[in-house]
């Protein structure tokens, strides 16, 4: 059907038109039904390689030793490489990727903000990341049906279970709670019966609802698993990383209004002597126009 300018869904109309134009309606159906979806080829080969190379460079400087992505044996467990956005222009490119951002906007609304941009650098050995829901920012159970937070996780190396890929529990976003201690296991005798590996090629993006139970399997072979986790939240959630007051000069280019919004330009709270001002009033007028739809 043709999407009209329906007054009952003023924001959703444009969001859905973009999803249709990008060929993501099947991904949207999967996201609604199962709580996650995979966009294969979300990143081209050159961008995937550029992200991987830059993260390795940053990780080696941070950890003070060389890393071998193909044959690493000394680095085990997971090393979090945080606050990547301002380290290189290629990270801005990943955040603004049109396909993943369209689905994130559907989940969180057009006023969502970037919460963090990190890599989970995983070597062989150690345990996996136990199953959990990202709705853990003080959000009480039962969780709402709509998403407060959402994740788009780029695979920068091929994802297989042996390589330590993401783990998902399809449909768990409808449980509206965290998994119990008997539902968190990923390996051996404690493996939760409904968990599945997300085995996808490098360059794919895995997008999921904030309620969806997920984790990652332990890596069982030499080398490194690299990802780029673009984590977003609604505007009333405190972001994990500090962007708003630390934007480098020239980082936001002409016409990059969406990037400015993702970094908190339009947030109305945290005022000082200037008070609420016109921004607060304008935002509340907009909320009034859009109150029939969660976005």
Protein backbone atom coordinates (compact mmCIF):
# COMPACT_ATOMS: atom_id res chain seq x y z
CA UNK A 1 0.00 0.00 0.00
CA UNK A 2 1.03 3.61 -0.35
CA UNK A 3 2.13 5.24 2.91
CA UNK A 4 0.21 8.48 3.33
CA UNK A 5 0.81 11.54 5.46
CA UNK A 6 -1.40 10.12 8.16
CA UNK A 7 -1.83 12.37 11.18
CA UNK A 8 -2.11 9.43 13.60
CA UNK A 9 1.48 8.35 12.80
CA UNK A 10 3.33 11.54 11.82
CA UNK A 11 6.89 10.30 12.47
CA UNK A 12 6.33 6.67 11.52
CA UNK A 13 5.22 7.60 8.01
CA UNK A 14 8.64 8.96 7.02
CA UNK A 15 10.52 6.24 8.91
CA UNK A 16 8.60 3.49 7.13
CA UNK A 17 8.99 5.12 3.72
CA UNK A 18 12.76 5.13 4.21
CA UNK A 19 12.78 1.48 5.30
CA UNK A 20 10.80 0.56 2.18
CA UNK A 21 13.06 2.62 -0.11
CA UNK A 22 16.13 0.86 1.33
CA UNK A 23 14.63 -2.60 0.77
CA UNK A 24 14.50 -3.37 4.50
CA UNK A 25 10.87 -4.44 4.93
CA UNK A 26 11.87 -8.10 5.39
CA UNK A 27 14.46 -7.04 7.98
CA UNK A 28 11.78 -5.03 9.76
CA UNK A 29 9.47 -8.06 9.82
CA UNK A 30 12.29 -10.19 11.28
CA UNK A 31 13.02 -7.52 13.87
CA UNK A 32 9.39 -7.43 14.96
CA UNK A 33 8.96 -11.22 14.96
CA UNK A 34 12.28 -12.41 16.39
CA UNK A 35 13.81 -9.35 18.06
CA UNK A 36 16.82 -9.18 15.73
CA UNK A 37 17.77 -9.14 12.06
CA UNK A 38 20.91 -9.39 9.91
CA UNK A 39 21.77 -6.93 7.15
CA UNK A 40 24.41 -8.71 5.06
CA UNK A 41 26.70 -6.37 3.14
CA UNK A 42 25.80 -3.40 5.34
CA UNK A 43 29.45 -2.33 5.01
CA UNK A 44 31.43 -2.64 1.80
CA UNK A 45 34.76 -4.48 1.87
CA UNK A 46 36.86 -1.30 1.93
CA UNK A 47 34.98 0.21 4.89
CA UNK A 48 35.07 -3.09 6.77
CA UNK A 49 38.83 -3.32 6.30
CA UNK A 50 39.37 0.34 7.26
CA UNK A 51 37.42 -0.10 10.50
CA UNK A 52 39.26 -3.31 11.33
CA UNK A 53 42.69 -1.76 10.68
CA UNK A 54 41.95 1.36 12.72
CA UNK A 55 40.59 -0.60 15.68
CA UNK A 56 43.65 -2.88 15.66
CA UNK A 57 45.92 0.19 15.64
CA UNK A 58 44.05 1.73 18.59
CA UNK A 59 43.95 -1.58 20.48
CA UNK A 60 47.69 -2.20 20.05
CA UNK A 61 48.48 1.29 21.36
CA UNK A 62 46.08 0.84 24.26
CA UNK A 63 47.33 -2.62 25.22
CA UNK A 64 51.01 -1.92 24.51
CA UNK A 65 51.64 -4.98 22.34
CA UNK A 66 51.18 -6.18 18.75
CA UNK A 67 48.10 -8.23 17.91
CA UNK A 68 47.73 -10.87 15.19
CA UNK A 69 44.13 -10.99 13.91
CA UNK A 70 44.70 -14.30 12.14
CA UNK A 71 46.87 -16.26 14.61
CA UNK A 72 46.67 -14.52 18.00
CA UNK A 73 47.09 -16.87 20.97
CA UNK A 74 48.30 -14.68 23.86
CA UNK A 75 45.31 -12.33 24.12
CA UNK A 76 42.32 -14.13 25.61
CA UNK A 77 38.97 -13.05 27.00
CA UNK A 78 37.43 -9.78 25.74
CA UNK A 79 39.09 -6.37 25.71
CA UNK A 80 36.68 -3.44 25.45
CA UNK A 81 38.01 -0.70 23.15
CA UNK A 82 35.74 2.28 23.99
CA UNK A 83 35.02 5.82 22.77
CA UNK A 84 35.93 5.28 19.12
CA UNK A 85 33.75 7.89 17.43
CA UNK A 86 36.24 10.76 17.41
CA UNK A 87 39.30 8.59 16.63
CA UNK A 88 38.88 8.52 12.83
CA UNK A 89 36.32 9.69 10.21
CA UNK A 90 35.55 6.08 9.28
CA UNK A 91 33.73 5.65 12.61
CA UNK A 92 31.35 8.50 11.80
CA UNK A 93 30.68 6.76 8.50
CA UNK A 94 29.69 3.57 10.32
CA UNK A 95 27.34 5.39 12.72
CA UNK A 96 25.57 7.14 9.82
CA UNK A 97 25.18 3.97 7.74
CA UNK A 98 21.75 4.47 6.24
CA UNK A 99 20.43 0.93 6.54
CA UNK A 100 21.26 0.24 10.17
CA UNK A 101 20.23 3.76 11.19
CA UNK A 102 16.81 3.37 9.53
CA UNK A 103 16.04 0.28 11.64
CA UNK A 104 17.45 1.89 14.79
CA UNK A 105 15.20 4.91 14.16
CA UNK A 106 12.19 2.63 13.83
CA UNK A 107 13.01 1.08 17.20
CA UNK A 108 13.92 4.25 19.10
CA UNK A 109 12.44 7.22 17.25
CA UNK A 110 14.02 10.08 15.36
CA UNK A 111 15.23 11.76 18.57
CA UNK A 112 17.37 8.81 19.65
CA UNK A 113 21.01 9.45 20.55
CA UNK A 114 24.25 7.52 20.25
CA UNK A 115 25.06 5.92 23.60
CA UNK A 116 28.45 4.33 22.80
CA UNK A 117 30.69 3.17 19.99
CA UNK A 118 32.98 0.34 21.07
CA UNK A 119 34.80 -2.78 19.95
CA UNK A 120 34.73 -6.05 21.88
CA UNK A 121 38.12 -7.49 20.91
CA UNK A 122 37.99 -11.21 21.58
CA UNK A 123 40.90 -13.65 21.57
CA UNK A 124 40.95 -17.42 22.08
CA UNK A 125 40.17 -18.92 25.45
CA UNK A 126 38.16 -17.62 28.34
CA UNK A 127 34.42 -17.63 28.67
CA UNK A 128 31.75 -16.12 26.50
CA UNK A 129 29.49 -13.22 27.38
CA UNK A 130 26.48 -14.65 29.20
CA UNK A 131 23.01 -14.07 27.83
CA UNK A 132 21.41 -10.80 28.90
CA UNK A 133 19.14 -8.01 27.74
CA UNK A 134 20.45 -4.52 27.05
CA UNK A 135 17.43 -3.10 28.88
CA UNK A 136 19.58 -2.87 31.99
CA UNK A 137 19.97 0.89 32.41
CA UNK A 138 17.78 1.04 35.49
CA UNK A 139 14.72 0.02 33.47
CA UNK A 140 12.43 -1.95 35.79
CA UNK A 141 10.86 -5.25 34.87
CA UNK A 142 8.58 -6.03 33.20
CA UNK A 143 10.15 -4.21 30.25
CA UNK A 144 7.91 -2.31 27.88
CA UNK A 145 7.10 -3.78 24.48
CA UNK A 146 8.84 -0.87 22.77
CA UNK A 147 12.60 -0.54 22.86
CA UNK A 148 14.40 1.94 25.13
CA UNK A 149 17.83 0.99 23.76
CA UNK A 150 18.98 -0.82 20.62
CA UNK A 151 22.18 -2.15 19.12
CA UNK A 152 23.62 -2.41 15.62
CA UNK A 153 26.67 -4.67 15.80
CA UNK A 154 28.98 -4.76 12.79
CA UNK A 155 30.96 -7.95 12.20
CA UNK A 156 34.46 -6.87 11.14
CA UNK A 157 35.65 -10.47 10.97
CA UNK A 158 33.62 -13.49 9.90
CA UNK A 159 31.25 -14.60 12.65
CA UNK A 160 31.07 -18.32 13.45
CA UNK A 161 30.42 -20.04 16.74
CA UNK A 162 34.01 -21.36 16.79
CA UNK A 163 35.25 -17.79 16.25
CA UNK A 164 33.19 -16.46 19.17
CA UNK A 165 30.23 -14.95 17.36
CA UNK A 166 27.11 -13.33 18.76
CA UNK A 167 24.48 -15.52 20.40
CA UNK A 168 20.76 -14.76 20.24
CA UNK A 169 17.54 -16.15 21.64
CA UNK A 170 14.88 -15.56 18.96
CA UNK A 171 11.65 -14.06 20.28
CA UNK A 172 13.08 -13.28 23.71
CA UNK A 173 12.23 -9.59 23.32
CA UNK A 174 8.66 -10.61 24.13
CA UNK A 175 9.66 -12.01 27.53
CA UNK A 176 9.97 -8.42 28.86
CA UNK A 177 12.60 -9.44 31.43
CA UNK A 178 16.22 -10.43 31.94
CA UNK A 179 17.05 -14.13 31.68
CA UNK A 180 17.31 -16.00 34.96
CA UNK A 181 20.60 -17.55 36.08
CA UNK A 182 19.41 -20.85 34.57
CA UNK A 183 18.87 -19.20 31.17
CA UNK A 184 22.21 -17.43 30.65
CA UNK A 185 24.62 -20.23 29.72
CA UNK A 186 26.27 -20.52 26.31
CA UNK A 187 28.69 -23.43 26.47
CA UNK A 188 28.99 -26.96 27.75
CA UNK A 189 26.39 -28.33 30.14
CA UNK A 190 25.03 -24.84 30.90
CA UNK A 191 24.12 -23.99 27.30
CA UNK A 192 20.62 -22.56 27.17
CA UNK A 193 18.52 -24.77 24.91
CA UNK A 194 17.06 -21.97 22.77
CA UNK A 195 20.25 -20.01 22.02
CA UNK A 196 21.51 -19.84 18.42
CA UNK A 197 24.82 -18.63 16.89
CA UNK A 198 24.69 -15.64 14.51
CA UNK A 199 27.06 -16.85 11.81
CA UNK A 200 27.49 -14.10 9.22
CA UNK A 201 30.28 -12.78 6.97
CA UNK A 202 32.36 -9.72 7.79
CA UNK A 203 30.60 -6.52 6.78
CA UNK A 204 27.22 -7.66 8.12
CA UNK A 205 25.23 -5.67 10.66
CA UNK A 206 23.19 -7.42 13.34
CA UNK A 207 20.44 -5.14 14.67
CA UNK A 208 18.39 -6.02 17.74
CA UNK A 209 15.67 -4.77 20.03
CA UNK A 210 16.88 -3.72 23.48
CA UNK A 211 14.89 -6.49 25.19
CA UNK A 212 16.37 -9.34 23.13
CA UNK A 213 18.52 -11.83 25.03
CA UNK A 214 21.98 -12.07 23.52
CA UNK A 215 25.60 -12.77 24.41
CA UNK A 216 28.67 -14.14 22.64
CA UNK A 217 30.28 -17.55 22.43
CA UNK A 218 33.87 -18.13 23.61
CA UNK A 219 36.46 -18.14 20.84
CA UNK A 220 37.97 -21.59 20.38
CA UNK A 221 40.66 -21.03 17.75
CA UNK A 222 43.67 -18.70 17.31
CA UNK A 223 43.07 -15.20 16.00
CA UNK A 224 40.79 -12.33 16.96
CA UNK A 225 37.13 -11.56 16.59
CA UNK A 226 36.54 -7.85 15.98
CA UNK A 227 33.26 -6.00 15.97
CA UNK A 228 31.95 -2.46 16.12
CA UNK A 229 29.01 -2.05 18.48
CA UNK A 230 26.92 1.03 17.70
CA UNK A 231 24.66 1.32 20.74
CA UNK A 232 21.77 3.81 20.79
CA UNK A 233 19.21 4.94 23.33
CA UNK A 234 16.14 7.12 23.58
CA UNK A 235 16.72 10.71 24.58
CA UNK A 236 15.62 10.19 28.20
CA UNK A 237 18.32 7.52 28.82
CA UNK A 238 21.79 8.54 30.02
CA UNK A 239 24.30 7.65 27.25
CA UNK A 240 27.26 5.45 28.15
CA UNK A 241 29.87 7.69 26.51
CA UNK A 242 30.21 11.48 26.77
CA UNK A 243 29.74 13.09 23.36
CA UNK A 244 27.54 16.13 23.75
CA UNK A 245 30.06 18.55 25.26
CA UNK A 246 33.18 17.12 23.62
CA UNK A 247 32.52 17.36 19.88
CA UNK A 248 35.79 18.28 18.06
CA UNK A 249 35.75 21.43 15.93
CA UNK A 250 34.67 20.63 12.40
CA UNK A 251 33.49 17.10 13.25
CA UNK A 252 29.86 17.83 12.32
CA UNK A 253 29.85 18.90 8.68
CA UNK A 254 27.38 21.01 6.77
CA UNK A 255 24.07 19.19 6.38
CA UNK A 256 24.85 16.61 9.07
CA UNK A 257 21.88 17.51 11.23
CA UNK A 258 21.17 13.87 12.00
CA UNK A 259 24.68 13.41 13.35
CA UNK A 260 24.28 16.49 15.54
CA UNK A 261 21.04 15.08 16.92
CA UNK A 262 22.66 11.69 17.59
CA UNK A 263 25.34 13.46 19.64
CA UNK A 264 22.76 15.26 21.77
CA UNK A 265 22.42 18.68 20.14
CA UNK A 266 18.65 18.69 20.59
CA UNK A 267 18.52 17.38 24.15
CA UNK A 268 16.57 19.88 26.22
CA UNK A 269 17.78 19.00 29.72
CA UNK A 270 20.97 19.91 31.62
CA UNK A 271 20.48 23.65 31.29
CA UNK A 272 22.23 26.17 33.54
CA UNK A 273 21.57 29.91 33.97
CA UNK A 274 19.99 30.11 30.52
CA UNK A 275 17.04 28.01 31.67
CA UNK A 276 14.80 25.86 29.51
CA UNK A 277 14.36 28.41 26.75
CA UNK A 278 12.83 28.03 23.33
CA UNK A 279 14.34 24.57 22.70
CA UNK A 280 12.34 23.10 25.61
CA UNK A 281 9.09 24.67 24.42
CA UNK A 282 9.64 23.57 20.82
CA UNK A 283 10.38 19.98 21.85
CA UNK A 284 7.22 19.77 23.92
CA UNK A 285 5.14 21.12 21.04
CA UNK A 286 6.63 18.38 18.89
CA UNK A 287 5.83 15.75 21.52
CA UNK A 288 2.26 16.98 21.52
CA UNK A 289 2.00 16.52 17.74
CA UNK A 290 3.52 13.02 17.90
CA UNK A 291 1.99 11.66 21.09
CA UNK A 292 -0.10 9.02 19.29
CA UNK A 293 3.08 7.15 18.24
CA UNK A 294 5.97 6.10 20.47
CA UNK A 295 8.52 7.79 18.16
